[in-house]
Amino acid sequence: MNLKTALLYLQTNPTFTKSPLFYRKVWKACLEIPPGQTRTYGWIAKKIGHPKASRAVGQALAKNPFAPVVPCHRVIRSNGTLGGYSAPGGHTRKKQLLKEEGIKLESSQRGLTKNIICII
């Protein structure tokens, strides 16, 4: 689904229009992440004008009822680890979606999966 179609879908969806403004800003910013790329929670926080709200961004993405239309699987932690994924399938599904988009993942020394291509 392209960005224009996804935005139209969201803006006409009652769940979206009744959600808190902060959540809507987070979800819209998430739509701007191209397939095959990732961004950090901090990147989204800065993008929506709340540079210190990384954790709140994570909470908004955890409440995202529109996955994978709103591609929250493309949002990772600033240390390169994947972070959470509250959609069905959890962390395993997040890794699968990223791999399907061509994102290369590696294991860190602590056993966490790290993304090696990220824009902060």
PDB file of N, CA and C in Angstrom:
ATOM      1  N   MET A   1       0.859  -1.173   0.000  1.00  0.00           N
ATOM      2  CA  MET A   1       0.000   0.000   0.000  1.00  0.00           C
ATOM      3  C   MET A   1       0.903   1.232   0.000  1.00  0.00           C
ATOM      4  N   ASN A   2       0.636   2.164  -0.915  1.00  0.00           N
ATOM      5  CA  ASN A   2       1.476   3.357  -0.962  1.00  0.00           C
ATOM      6  C   ASN A   2       1.084   4.352   0.134  1.00  0.00           C
ATOM      7  N   LEU A   3       1.917   5.348   0.327  1.00  0.00           N
ATOM      8  CA  LEU A   3       1.724   6.314   1.416  1.00  0.00           C
ATOM      9  C   LEU A   3       0.385   7.037   1.304  1.00  0.00           C
ATOM     10  N   LYS A   4       0.035   7.483   0.119  1.00  0.00           N
ATOM     11  CA  LYS A   4      -1.211   8.224  -0.080  1.00  0.00           C
ATOM     12  C   LYS A   4      -2.430   7.364   0.277  1.00  0.00           C
ATOM     13  N   THR A   5      -2.436   6.125  -0.178  1.00  0.00           N
ATOM     14  CA  THR A   5      -3.541   5.211   0.112  1.00  0.00           C
ATOM     15  C   THR A   5      -3.615   4.903   1.603  1.00  0.00           C
ATOM     16  N   ALA A   6      -2.450   4.685   2.228  1.00  0.00           N
ATOM     17  CA  ALA A   6      -2.410   4.394   3.667  1.00  0.00           C
ATOM     18  C   ALA A   6      -2.941   5.569   4.475  1.00  0.00           C
ATOM     19  N   LEU A   7      -2.550   6.792   4.102  1.00  0.00           N
ATOM     20  CA  LEU A   7      -3.047   7.978   4.815  1.00  0.00           C
ATOM     21  C   LEU A   7      -4.555   8.115   4.667  1.00  0.00           C
ATOM     22  N   LEU A   8      -5.073   7.894   3.488  1.00  0.00           N
ATOM     23  CA  LEU A   8      -6.507   7.970   3.252  1.00  0.00           C
ATOM     24  C   LEU A   8      -7.236   6.922   4.090  1.00  0.00           C
ATOM     25  N   TYR A   9      -6.674   5.720   4.117  1.00  0.00           N
ATOM     26  CA  TYR A   9      -7.257   4.649   4.929  1.00  0.00           C
ATOM     27  C   TYR A   9      -7.329   5.058   6.400  1.00  0.00           C
ATOM     28  N   LEU A  10      -6.232   5.596   6.919  1.00  0.00           N
ATOM     29  CA  LEU A  10      -6.198   5.991   8.327  1.00  0.00           C
ATOM     30  C   LEU A  10      -7.169   7.123   8.614  1.00  0.00           C
ATOM     31  N   GLN A  11      -7.139   8.146   7.780  1.00  0.00           N
ATOM     32  CA  GLN A  11      -7.934   9.343   8.040  1.00  0.00           C
ATOM     33  C   GLN A  11      -9.441   9.091   7.950  1.00  0.00           C
ATOM     34  N   THR A  12      -9.833   7.990   7.336  1.00  0.00           N
ATOM     35  CA  THR A  12     -11.255   7.660   7.259  1.00  0.00           C
ATOM     36  C   THR A  12     -11.632   6.533   8.213  1.00  0.00           C
ATOM     37  N   ASN A  13     -10.695   6.103   9.023  1.00  0.00           N
ATOM     38  CA  ASN A  13     -10.925   5.010   9.958  1.00  0.00           C
ATOM     39  C   ASN A  13     -11.283   5.587  11.332  1.00  0.00           C
ATOM     40  N   PRO A  14     -12.445   5.239  11.881  1.00  0.00           N
ATOM     41  CA  PRO A  14     -12.856   5.794  13.186  1.00  0.00           C
ATOM     42  C   PRO A  14     -11.880   5.482  14.319  1.00  0.00           C
ATOM     43  N   THR A  15     -11.232   4.328  14.277  1.00  0.00           N
ATOM     44  CA  THR A  15     -10.254   4.001  15.323  1.00  0.00           C
ATOM     45  C   THR A  15      -9.117   5.009  15.299  1.00  0.00           C
ATOM     46  N   PHE A  16      -8.667   5.378  14.101  1.00  0.00           N
ATOM     47  CA  PHE A  16      -7.593   6.356  13.968  1.00  0.00           C
ATOM     48  C   PHE A  16      -8.066   7.737  14.415  1.00  0.00           C
ATOM     49  N   THR A  17      -9.199   8.177  13.918  1.00  0.00           N
ATOM     50  CA  THR A  17      -9.650   9.545  14.200  1.00  0.00           C
ATOM     51  C   THR A  17      -9.993   9.754  15.671  1.00  0.00           C
ATOM     52  N   LYS A  18     -10.318   8.680  16.387  1.00  0.00           N
ATOM     53  CA  LYS A  18     -10.637   8.797  17.820  1.00  0.00           C
ATOM     54  C   LYS A  18      -9.429   8.569  18.721  1.00  0.00           C
ATOM     55  N   SER A  19      -8.295   8.228  18.133  1.00  0.00           N
ATOM     56  CA  SER A  19      -7.075   7.982  18.918  1.00  0.00           C
ATOM     57  C   SER A  19      -6.445   9.303  19.330  1.00  0.00           C
ATOM     58  N   PRO A  20      -5.619   9.287  20.394  1.00  0.00           N
ATOM     59  CA  PRO A  20      -4.954  10.520  20.828  1.00  0.00           C
ATOM     60  C   PRO A  20      -4.105  11.123  19.703  1.00  0.00           C
ATOM     61  N   LEU A  21      -4.042  12.435  19.675  1.00  0.00           N
ATOM     62  CA  LEU A  21      -3.278  13.152  18.647  1.00  0.00           C
ATOM     63  C   LEU A  21      -1.830  12.680  18.597  1.00  0.00           C
ATOM     64  N   PHE A  22      -1.205  12.483  19.743  1.00  0.00           N
ATOM     65  CA  PHE A  22       0.182  12.027  19.777  1.00  0.00           C
ATOM     66  C   PHE A  22       0.322  10.695  19.035  1.00  0.00           C
ATOM     67  N   TYR A  23      -0.565   9.753  19.297  1.00  0.00           N
ATOM     68  CA  TYR A  23      -0.525   8.450  18.622  1.00  0.00           C
ATOM     69  C   TYR A  23      -0.659   8.629  17.118  1.00  0.00           C
ATOM     70  N   ARG A  24      -1.599   9.472  16.699  1.00  0.00           N
ATOM     71  CA  ARG A  24      -1.811   9.687  15.269  1.00  0.00           C
ATOM     72  C   ARG A  24      -0.553  10.255  14.604  1.00  0.00           C
ATOM     73  N   LYS A  25       0.130  11.178  15.293  1.00  0.00           N
ATOM     74  CA  LYS A  25       1.373  11.737  14.747  1.00  0.00           C
ATOM     75  C   LYS A  25       2.436  10.649  14.608  1.00  0.00           C
ATOM     76  N   VAL A  26       2.551   9.798  15.620  1.00  0.00           N
ATOM     77  CA  VAL A  26       3.532   8.706  15.592  1.00  0.00           C
ATOM     78  C   VAL A  26       3.230   7.761  14.433  1.00  0.00           C
ATOM     79  N   TRP A  27       1.985   7.362  14.305  1.00  0.00           N
ATOM     80  CA  TRP A  27       1.612   6.413  13.251  1.00  0.00           C
ATOM     81  C   TRP A  27       1.837   7.008  11.872  1.00  0.00           C
ATOM     82  N   LYS A  28       1.534   8.295  11.702  1.00  0.00           N
ATOM     83  CA  LYS A  28       1.768   8.942  10.405  1.00  0.00           C
ATOM     84  C   LYS A  28       3.265   9.012  10.095  1.00  0.00           C
ATOM     85  N   ALA A  29       4.080   9.346  11.089  1.00  0.00           N
ATOM     86  CA  ALA A  29       5.536   9.394  10.873  1.00  0.00           C
ATOM     87  C   ALA A  29       6.067   8.015  10.500  1.00  0.00           C
ATOM     88  N   CYS A  30       5.511   6.996  11.105  1.00  0.00           N
ATOM     89  CA  CYS A  30       5.931   5.624  10.819  1.00  0.00           C
ATOM     90  C   CYS A  30       5.651   5.259   9.361  1.00  0.00           C
ATOM     91  N   LEU A  31       4.582   5.801   8.808  1.00  0.00           N
ATOM     92  CA  LEU A  31       4.250   5.543   7.399  1.00  0.00           C
ATOM     93  C   LEU A  31       5.332   6.040   6.447  1.00  0.00           C
ATOM     94  N   GLU A  32       6.121   7.008   6.887  1.00  0.00           N
ATOM     95  CA  GLU A  32       7.152   7.604   6.032  1.00  0.00           C
ATOM     96  C   GLU A  32       8.427   6.769   5.937  1.00  0.00           C
ATOM     97  N   ILE A  33       8.524   5.719   6.728  1.00  0.00           N
ATOM     98  CA  ILE A  33       9.710   4.867   6.686  1.00  0.00           C
ATOM     99  C   ILE A  33       9.591   3.939   5.475  1.00  0.00           C
ATOM    100  N   PRO A  34      10.505   4.067   4.518  1.00  0.00           N
ATOM    101  CA  PRO A  34      10.407   3.240   3.311  1.00  0.00           C
ATOM    102  C   PRO A  34      10.653   1.757   3.596  1.00  0.00           C
ATOM    103  N   PRO A  35      10.047   0.883   2.794  1.00  0.00           N
ATOM    104  CA  PRO A  35      10.343  -0.543   2.924  1.00  0.00           C
ATOM    105  C   PRO A  35      11.850  -0.788   2.762  1.00  0.00           C
ATOM    106  N   GLY A  36      12.371  -1.700   3.565  1.00  0.00           N
ATOM    107  CA  GLY A  36      13.793  -2.018   3.489  1.00  0.00           C
ATOM    108  C   GLY A  36      14.665  -1.096   4.321  1.00  0.00           C
ATOM    109  N   GLN A  37      14.051  -0.174   5.072  1.00  0.00           N
ATOM    110  CA  GLN A  37      14.802   0.727   5.939  1.00  0.00           C
ATOM    111  C   GLN A  37      14.182   0.718   7.330  1.00  0.00           C
ATOM    112  N   THR A  38      14.973   1.143   8.299  1.00  0.00           N
ATOM    113  CA  THR A  38      14.466   1.270   9.659  1.00  0.00           C
ATOM    114  C   THR A  38      14.778   2.662  10.187  1.00  0.00           C
ATOM    115  N   ARG A  39      14.079   3.025  11.230  1.00  0.00           N
ATOM    116  CA  ARG A  39      14.329   4.263  11.966  1.00  0.00           C
ATOM    117  C   ARG A  39      14.241   3.923  13.448  1.00  0.00           C
ATOM    118  N   THR A  40      14.725   4.817  14.284  1.00  0.00           N
ATOM    119  CA  THR A  40      14.667   4.591  15.723  1.00  0.00           C
ATOM    120  C   THR A  40      13.435   5.272  16.318  1.00  0.00           C
ATOM    121  N   TYR A  41      13.129   4.859  17.541  1.00  0.00           N
ATOM    122  CA  TYR A  41      12.047   5.506  18.280  1.00  0.00           C
ATOM    123  C   TYR A  41      12.370   6.997  18.438  1.00  0.00           C
ATOM    124  N   GLY A  42      13.641   7.304  18.643  1.00  0.00           N
ATOM    125  CA  GLY A  42      14.079   8.693  18.771  1.00  0.00           C
ATOM    126  C   GLY A  42      13.896   9.486  17.494  1.00  0.00           C
ATOM    127  N   TRP A  43      14.106   8.847  16.344  1.00  0.00           N
ATOM    128  CA  TRP A  43      13.909   9.518  15.061  1.00  0.00           C
ATOM    129  C   TRP A  43      12.455   9.958  14.919  1.00  0.00           C
ATOM    130  N   ILE A  44      11.547   9.046  15.271  1.00  0.00           N
ATOM    131  CA  ILE A  44      10.121   9.392  15.191  1.00  0.00           C
ATOM    132  C   ILE A  44       9.796  10.506  16.175  1.00  0.00           C
ATOM    133  N   ALA A  45      10.343  10.427  17.385  1.00  0.00           N
ATOM    134  CA  ALA A  45      10.086  11.467  18.388  1.00  0.00           C
ATOM    135  C   ALA A  45      10.515  12.843  17.864  1.00  0.00           C
ATOM    136  N   LYS A  46      11.689  12.911  17.264  1.00  0.00           N
ATOM    137  CA  LYS A  46      12.161  14.178  16.693  1.00  0.00           C
ATOM    138  C   LYS A  46      11.282  14.612  15.530  1.00  0.00           C
ATOM    139  N   LYS A  47      10.910  13.670  14.685  1.00  0.00           N
ATOM    140  CA  LYS A  47      10.106  13.950  13.494  1.00  0.00           C
ATOM    141  C   LYS A  47       8.770  14.607  13.850  1.00  0.00           C
ATOM    142  N   ILE A  48       8.178  14.186  14.956  1.00  0.00           N
ATOM    143  CA  ILE A  48       6.879  14.735  15.337  1.00  0.00           C
ATOM    144  C   ILE A  48       6.983  15.909  16.306  1.00  0.00           C
ATOM    145  N   GLY A  49       8.216  16.363  16.554  1.00  0.00           N
ATOM    146  CA  GLY A  49       8.409  17.549  17.386  1.00  0.00           C
ATOM    147  C   GLY A  49       8.476  17.313  18.875  1.00  0.00           C
ATOM    148  N   HIS A  50       8.732  16.068  19.283  1.00  0.00           N
ATOM    149  CA  HIS A  50       8.863  15.719  20.699  1.00  0.00           C
ATOM    150  C   HIS A  50      10.154  14.929  20.899  1.00  0.00           C
ATOM    151  N   PRO A  51      11.316  15.595  20.772  1.00  0.00           N
ATOM    152  CA  PRO A  51      12.594  14.874  20.735  1.00  0.00           C
ATOM    153  C   PRO A  51      12.934  14.045  21.970  1.00  0.00           C
ATOM    154  N   LYS A  52      12.295  14.279  23.088  1.00  0.00           N
ATOM    155  CA  LYS A  52      12.592  13.508  24.298  1.00  0.00           C
ATOM    156  C   LYS A  52      11.535  12.440  24.583  1.00  0.00           C
ATOM    157  N   ALA A  53      10.696  12.160  23.608  1.00  0.00           N
ATOM    158  CA  ALA A  53       9.559  11.273  23.833  1.00  0.00           C
ATOM    159  C   ALA A  53       9.725   9.883  23.215  1.00  0.00           C
ATOM    160  N   SER A  54      10.945   9.373  23.183  1.00  0.00           N
ATOM    161  CA  SER A  54      11.184   8.054  22.575  1.00  0.00           C
ATOM    162  C   SER A  54      10.344   6.951  23.208  1.00  0.00           C
ATOM    163  N   ARG A  55      10.268   6.962  24.527  1.00  0.00           N
ATOM    164  CA  ARG A  55       9.480   5.917  25.208  1.00  0.00           C
ATOM    165  C   ARG A  55       7.995   6.052  24.906  1.00  0.00           C
ATOM    166  N   ALA A  56       7.515   7.279  24.846  1.00  0.00           N
ATOM    167  CA  ALA A  56       6.107   7.500  24.501  1.00  0.00           C
ATOM    168  C   ALA A  56       5.822   7.048  23.074  1.00  0.00           C
ATOM    169  N   VAL A  57       6.795   7.225  22.189  1.00  0.00           N
ATOM    170  CA  VAL A  57       6.660   6.722  20.819  1.00  0.00           C
ATOM    171  C   VAL A  57       6.499   5.196  20.854  1.00  0.00           C
ATOM    172  N   GLY A  58       7.320   4.543  21.662  1.00  0.00           N
ATOM    173  CA  GLY A  58       7.216   3.089  21.803  1.00  0.00           C
ATOM    174  C   GLY A  58       5.846   2.667  22.312  1.00  0.00           C
ATOM    175  N   GLN A  59       5.303   3.423  23.247  1.00  0.00           N
ATOM    176  CA  GLN A  59       3.974   3.111  23.768  1.00  0.00           C
ATOM    177  C   GLN A  59       2.907   3.295  22.696  1.00  0.00           C
ATOM    178  N   ALA A  60       3.036   4.359  21.905  1.00  0.00           N
ATOM    179  CA  ALA A  60       2.073   4.597  20.825  1.00  0.00           C
ATOM    180  C   ALA A  60       2.141   3.477  19.790  1.00  0.00           C
ATOM    181  N   LEU A  61       3.351   3.030  19.470  1.00  0.00           N
ATOM    182  CA  LEU A  61       3.496   1.949  18.502  1.00  0.00           C
ATOM    183  C   LEU A  61       2.979   0.627  19.063  1.00  0.00           C
ATOM    184  N   ALA A  62       3.101   0.432  20.365  1.00  0.00           N
ATOM    185  CA  ALA A  62       2.572  -0.778  20.996  1.00  0.00           C
ATOM    186  C   ALA A  62       1.046  -0.818  20.901  1.00  0.00           C
ATOM    187  N   LYS A  63       0.423   0.336  20.759  1.00  0.00           N
ATOM    188  CA  LYS A  63      -1.039   0.424  20.644  1.00  0.00           C
ATOM    189  C   LYS A  63      -1.490   0.491  19.187  1.00  0.00           C
ATOM    190  N   ASN A  64      -0.580   0.341  18.243  1.00  0.00           N
ATOM    191  CA  ASN A  64      -0.875   0.454  16.817  1.00  0.00           C
ATOM    192  C   ASN A  64      -1.784  -0.687  16.355  1.00  0.00           C
ATOM    193  N   PRO A  65      -3.059  -0.392  16.062  1.00  0.00           N
ATOM    194  CA  PRO A  65      -3.960  -1.444  15.601  1.00  0.00           C
ATOM    195  C   PRO A  65      -3.910  -1.653  14.082  1.00  0.00           C
ATOM    196  N   PHE A  66      -3.035  -0.911  13.403  1.00  0.00           N
ATOM    197  CA  PHE A  66      -3.008  -0.902  11.941  1.00  0.00           C
ATOM    198  C   PHE A  66      -1.801  -1.624  11.334  1.00  0.00           C
ATOM    199  N   ALA A  67      -1.053  -2.355  12.145  1.00  0.00           N
ATOM    200  CA  ALA A  67       0.097  -3.088  11.613  1.00  0.00           C
ATOM    201  C   ALA A  67      -0.397  -4.170  10.673  1.00  0.00           C
ATOM    202  N   PRO A  68       0.270  -4.421   9.579  1.00  0.00           N
ATOM    203  CA  PRO A  68       1.485  -3.800   9.077  1.00  0.00           C
ATOM    204  C   PRO A  68       1.258  -2.597   8.154  1.00  0.00           C
ATOM    205  N   VAL A  69      -0.017  -2.112   8.012  1.00  0.00           N
ATOM    206  CA  VAL A  69      -0.245  -0.912   7.191  1.00  0.00           C
ATOM    207  C   VAL A  69       0.592   0.233   7.740  1.00  0.00           C
ATOM    208  N   VAL A  70       0.543   0.446   9.052  1.00  0.00           N
ATOM    209  CA  VAL A  70       1.463   1.362   9.720  1.00  0.00           C
ATOM    210  C   VAL A  70       2.634   0.483  10.142  1.00  0.00           C
ATOM    211  N   PRO A  71       3.768   0.599   9.435  1.00  0.00           N
ATOM    212  CA  PRO A  71       4.851  -0.381   9.577  1.00  0.00           C
ATOM    213  C   PRO A  71       5.732  -0.187  10.811  1.00  0.00           C
ATOM    214  N   CYS A  72       5.147  -0.416  11.976  1.00  0.00           N
ATOM    215  CA  CYS A  72       5.908  -0.231  13.212  1.00  0.00           C
ATOM    216  C   CYS A  72       7.044  -1.247  13.343  1.00  0.00           C
ATOM    217  N   HIS A  73       7.022  -2.301  12.526  1.00  0.00           N
ATOM    218  CA  HIS A  73       8.128  -3.269  12.550  1.00  0.00           C
ATOM    219  C   HIS A  73       9.428  -2.630  12.061  1.00  0.00           C
ATOM    220  N   ARG A  74       9.352  -1.487  11.395  1.00  0.00           N
ATOM    221  CA  ARG A  74      10.546  -0.796  10.897  1.00  0.00           C
ATOM    222  C   ARG A  74      11.174   0.129  11.936  1.00  0.00           C
ATOM    223  N   VAL A  75      10.625   0.151  13.143  1.00  0.00           N
ATOM    224  CA  VAL A  75      11.150   1.022  14.203  1.00  0.00           C
ATOM    225  C   VAL A  75      11.921   0.174  15.192  1.00  0.00           C
ATOM    226  N   ILE A  76      13.165   0.597  15.461  1.00  0.00           N
ATOM    227  CA  ILE A  76      14.054  -0.158  16.342  1.00  0.00           C
ATOM    228  C   ILE A  76      14.647   0.760  17.405  1.00  0.00           C
ATOM    229  N   ARG A  77      15.353   0.165  18.335  1.00  0.00           N
ATOM    230  CA  ARG A  77      16.021   0.941  19.392  1.00  0.00           C
ATOM    231  C   ARG A  77      17.271   1.617  18.853  1.00  0.00           C
ATOM    232  N   SER A  78      17.717   2.652  19.528  1.00  0.00           N
ATOM    233  CA  SER A  78      18.898   3.392  19.092  1.00  0.00           C
ATOM    234  C   SER A  78      20.175   2.569  19.195  1.00  0.00           C
ATOM    235  N   ASN A  79      20.186   1.505  20.006  1.00  0.00           N
ATOM    236  CA  ASN A  79      21.378   0.657  20.097  1.00  0.00           C
ATOM    237  C   ASN A  79      21.403  -0.417  19.017  1.00  0.00           C
ATOM    238  N   GLY A  80      20.422  -0.391  18.111  1.00  0.00           N
ATOM    239  CA  GLY A  80      20.384  -1.332  17.007  1.00  0.00           C
ATOM    240  C   GLY A  80      19.586  -2.588  17.266  1.00  0.00           C
ATOM    241  N   THR A  81      19.152  -2.814  18.513  1.00  0.00           N
ATOM    242  CA  THR A  81      18.325  -3.993  18.772  1.00  0.00           C
ATOM    243  C   THR A  81      16.894  -3.716  18.312  1.00  0.00           C
ATOM    244  N   LEU A  82      16.152  -4.769  18.124  1.00  0.00           N
ATOM    245  CA  LEU A  82      14.849  -4.637  17.483  1.00  0.00           C
ATOM    246  C   LEU A  82      13.778  -3.964  18.321  1.00  0.00           C
ATOM    247  N   GLY A  83      13.827  -4.093  19.622  1.00  0.00           N
ATOM    248  CA  GLY A  83      12.740  -3.552  20.431  1.00  0.00           C
ATOM    249  C   GLY A  83      11.533  -4.466  20.344  1.00  0.00           C
ATOM    250  N   GLY A  84      10.401  -3.975  20.785  1.00  0.00           N
ATOM    251  CA  GLY A  84       9.210  -4.809  20.850  1.00  0.00           C
ATOM    252  C   GLY A  84       8.398  -4.810  19.569  1.00  0.00           C
ATOM    253  N   TYR A  85       7.388  -5.674  19.567  1.00  0.00           N
ATOM    254  CA  TYR A  85       6.421  -5.742  18.469  1.00  0.00           C
ATOM    255  C   TYR A  85       5.158  -6.369  19.032  1.00  0.00           C
ATOM    256  N   SER A  86       4.108  -5.580  19.165  1.00  0.00           N
ATOM    257  CA  SER A  86       2.908  -6.053  19.849  1.00  0.00           C
ATOM    258  C   SER A  86       1.892  -6.713  18.925  1.00  0.00           C
ATOM    259  N   ALA A  87       2.125  -6.675  17.625  1.00  0.00           N
ATOM    260  CA  ALA A  87       1.209  -7.336  16.695  1.00  0.00           C
ATOM    261  C   ALA A  87       1.347  -8.849  16.837  1.00  0.00           C
ATOM    262  N   PRO A  88       0.363  -9.600  16.319  1.00  0.00           N
ATOM    263  CA  PRO A  88       0.458 -11.062  16.415  1.00  0.00           C
ATOM    264  C   PRO A  88       1.792 -11.590  15.873  1.00  0.00           C
ATOM    265  N   GLY A  89       2.362 -12.509  16.613  1.00  0.00           N
ATOM    266  CA  GLY A  89       3.653 -13.092  16.226  1.00  0.00           C
ATOM    267  C   GLY A  89       4.815 -12.467  16.966  1.00  0.00           C
ATOM    268  N   GLY A  90       4.589 -11.286  17.557  1.00  0.00           N
ATOM    269  CA  GLY A  90       5.596 -10.633  18.383  1.00  0.00           C
ATOM    270  C   GLY A  90       6.941 -10.441  17.707  1.00  0.00           C
ATOM    271  N   HIS A  91       7.992 -10.575  18.500  1.00  0.00           N
ATOM    272  CA  HIS A  91       9.364 -10.346  18.081  1.00  0.00           C
ATOM    273  C   HIS A  91       9.745 -11.199  16.870  1.00  0.00           C
ATOM    274  N   THR A  92       9.288 -12.453  16.857  1.00  0.00           N
ATOM    275  CA  THR A  92       9.597 -13.359  15.748  1.00  0.00           C
ATOM    276  C   THR A  92       9.020 -12.815  14.441  1.00  0.00           C
ATOM    277  N   ARG A  93       7.797 -12.327  14.495  1.00  0.00           N
ATOM    278  CA  ARG A  93       7.152 -11.768  13.300  1.00  0.00           C
ATOM    279  C   ARG A  93       7.865 -10.499  12.853  1.00  0.00           C
ATOM    280  N   LYS A  94       8.304  -9.661  13.801  1.00  0.00           N
ATOM    281  CA  LYS A  94       9.033  -8.438  13.451  1.00  0.00           C
ATOM    282  C   LYS A  94      10.298  -8.790  12.674  1.00  0.00           C
ATOM    283  N   LYS A  95      11.055  -9.759  13.174  1.00  0.00           N
ATOM    284  CA  LYS A  95      12.271 -10.197  12.466  1.00  0.00           C
ATOM    285  C   LYS A  95      11.933 -10.708  11.068  1.00  0.00           C
ATOM    286  N   GLN A  96      10.865 -11.477  10.961  1.00  0.00           N
ATOM    287  CA  GLN A  96      10.460 -12.039   9.675  1.00  0.00           C
ATOM    288  C   GLN A  96      10.104 -10.922   8.687  1.00  0.00           C
ATOM    289  N   LEU A  97       9.319  -9.934   9.120  1.00  0.00           N
ATOM    290  CA  LEU A  97       8.935  -8.828   8.245  1.00  0.00           C
ATOM    291  C   LEU A  97      10.156  -8.045   7.769  1.00  0.00           C
ATOM    292  N   LEU A  98      11.088  -7.783   8.682  1.00  0.00           N
ATOM    293  CA  LEU A  98      12.297  -7.045   8.309  1.00  0.00           C
ATOM    294  C   LEU A  98      13.137  -7.839   7.303  1.00  0.00           C
ATOM    295  N   LYS A  99      13.278  -9.125   7.533  1.00  0.00           N
ATOM    296  CA  LYS A  99      14.040  -9.964   6.597  1.00  0.00           C
ATOM    297  C   LYS A  99      13.377 -10.001   5.230  1.00  0.00           C
ATOM    298  N   GLU A 100      12.042 -10.073   5.199  1.00  0.00           N
ATOM    299  CA  GLU A 100      11.309 -10.076   3.933  1.00  0.00           C
ATOM    300  C   GLU A 100      11.528  -8.779   3.153  1.00  0.00           C
ATOM    301  N   GLU A 101      11.807  -7.685   3.873  1.00  0.00           N
ATOM    302  CA  GLU A 101      12.065  -6.399   3.230  1.00  0.00           C
ATOM    303  C   GLU A 101      13.538  -6.226   2.875  1.00  0.00           C
ATOM    304  N   GLY A 102      14.339  -7.245   3.138  1.00  0.00           N
ATOM    305  CA  GLY A 102      15.746  -7.200   2.765  1.00  0.00           C
ATOM    306  C   GLY A 102      16.661  -6.579   3.794  1.00  0.00           C
ATOM    307  N   ILE A 103      16.188  -6.390   5.005  1.00  0.00           N
ATOM    308  CA  ILE A 103      17.027  -5.825   6.058  1.00  0.00           C
ATOM    309  C   ILE A 103      17.861  -6.937   6.665  1.00  0.00           C
ATOM    310  N   LYS A 104      19.161  -6.715   6.699  1.00  0.00           N
ATOM    311  CA  LYS A 104      20.080  -7.712   7.221  1.00  0.00           C
ATOM    312  C   LYS A 104      20.168  -7.577   8.735  1.00  0.00           C
ATOM    313  N   LEU A 105      20.034  -8.703   9.409  1.00  0.00           N
ATOM    314  CA  LEU A 105      20.089  -8.733  10.862  1.00  0.00           C
ATOM    315  C   LEU A 105      21.287  -9.559  11.299  1.00  0.00           C
ATOM    316  N   GLU A 106      21.833  -9.207  12.421  1.00  0.00           N
ATOM    317  CA  GLU A 106      22.949  -9.973  12.974  1.00  0.00           C
ATOM    318  C   GLU A 106      22.719 -10.152  14.462  1.00  0.00           C
ATOM    319  N   SER A 107      23.367 -11.129  15.056  1.00  0.00           N
ATOM    320  CA  SER A 107      23.257 -11.341  16.488  1.00  0.00           C
ATOM    321  C   SER A 107      24.384 -10.616  17.187  1.00  0.00           C
ATOM    322  N   SER A 108      24.053  -9.970  18.281  1.00  0.00           N
ATOM    323  CA  SER A 108      25.077  -9.267  19.061  1.00  0.00           C
ATOM    324  C   SER A 108      25.680 -10.227  20.074  1.00  0.00           C
ATOM    325  N   GLN A 109      26.671  -9.754  20.802  1.00  0.00           N
ATOM    326  CA  GLN A 109      27.332 -10.584  21.805  1.00  0.00           C
ATOM    327  C   GLN A 109      26.368 -10.965  22.930  1.00  0.00           C
ATOM    328  N   ARG A 110      25.349 -10.145  23.171  1.00  0.00           N
ATOM    329  CA  ARG A 110      24.399 -10.434  24.235  1.00  0.00           C
ATOM    330  C   ARG A 110      23.246 -11.300  23.751  1.00  0.00           C
ATOM    331  N   GLY A 111      23.299 -11.743  22.488  1.00  0.00           N
ATOM    332  CA  GLY A 111      22.254 -12.597  21.973  1.00  0.00           C
ATOM    333  C   GLY A 111      21.045 -11.847  21.437  1.00  0.00           C
ATOM    334  N   LEU A 112      21.122 -10.526  21.420  1.00  0.00           N
ATOM    335  CA  LEU A 112      20.011  -9.738  20.878  1.00  0.00           C
ATOM    336  C   LEU A 112      20.211  -9.579  19.382  1.00  0.00           C
ATOM    337  N   THR A 113      19.127  -9.557  18.668  1.00  0.00           N
ATOM    338  CA  THR A 113      19.238  -9.331  17.232  1.00  0.00           C
ATOM    339  C   THR A 113      19.450  -7.863  16.999  1.00  0.00           C
ATOM    340  N   LYS A 114      20.439  -7.549  16.175  1.00  0.00           N
ATOM    341  CA  LYS A 114      20.748  -6.160  15.861  1.00  0.00           C
ATOM    342  C   LYS A 114      20.524  -5.914  14.382  1.00  0.00           C
ATOM    343  N   ASN A 115      20.036  -4.741  14.100  1.00  0.00           N
ATOM    344  CA  ASN A 115      19.845  -4.309  12.725  1.00  0.00           C
ATOM    345  C   ASN A 115      21.122  -3.572  12.321  1.00  0.00           C
ATOM    346  N   ILE A 116      21.657  -3.856  11.144  1.00  0.00           N
ATOM    347  CA  ILE A 116      22.911  -3.206  10.768  1.00  0.00           C
ATOM    348  C   ILE A 116      22.709  -2.061   9.784  1.00  0.00           C
ATOM    349  N   ILE A 117      21.452  -1.808   9.386  1.00  0.00           N
ATOM    350  CA  ILE A 117      21.172  -0.686   8.497  1.00  0.00           C
ATOM    351  C   ILE A 117      20.112   0.172   9.163  1.00  0.00           C
ATOM    352  N   CYS A 118      20.479   1.292   9.701  1.00  0.00           N
ATOM    353  CA  CYS A 118      19.523   2.133  10.398  1.00  0.00           C
ATOM    354  C   CYS A 118      19.858   3.584  10.248  1.00  0.00           C
ATOM    355  N   ILE A 119      18.844   4.401  10.129  1.00  0.00           N
ATOM    356  CA  ILE A 119      19.011   5.862  10.116  1.00  0.00           C
ATOM    357  C   ILE A 119      18.476   6.373  11.441  1.00  0.00           C
ATOM    358  N   ILE A 120      19.324   7.045  12.202  1.00  0.00           N
ATOM    359  CA  ILE A 120      18.930   7.523  13.527  1.00  0.00           C
ATOM    360  C   ILE A 120      18.380   8.932  13.435  1.00  0.00           C
TER     361      ILE A 120
END
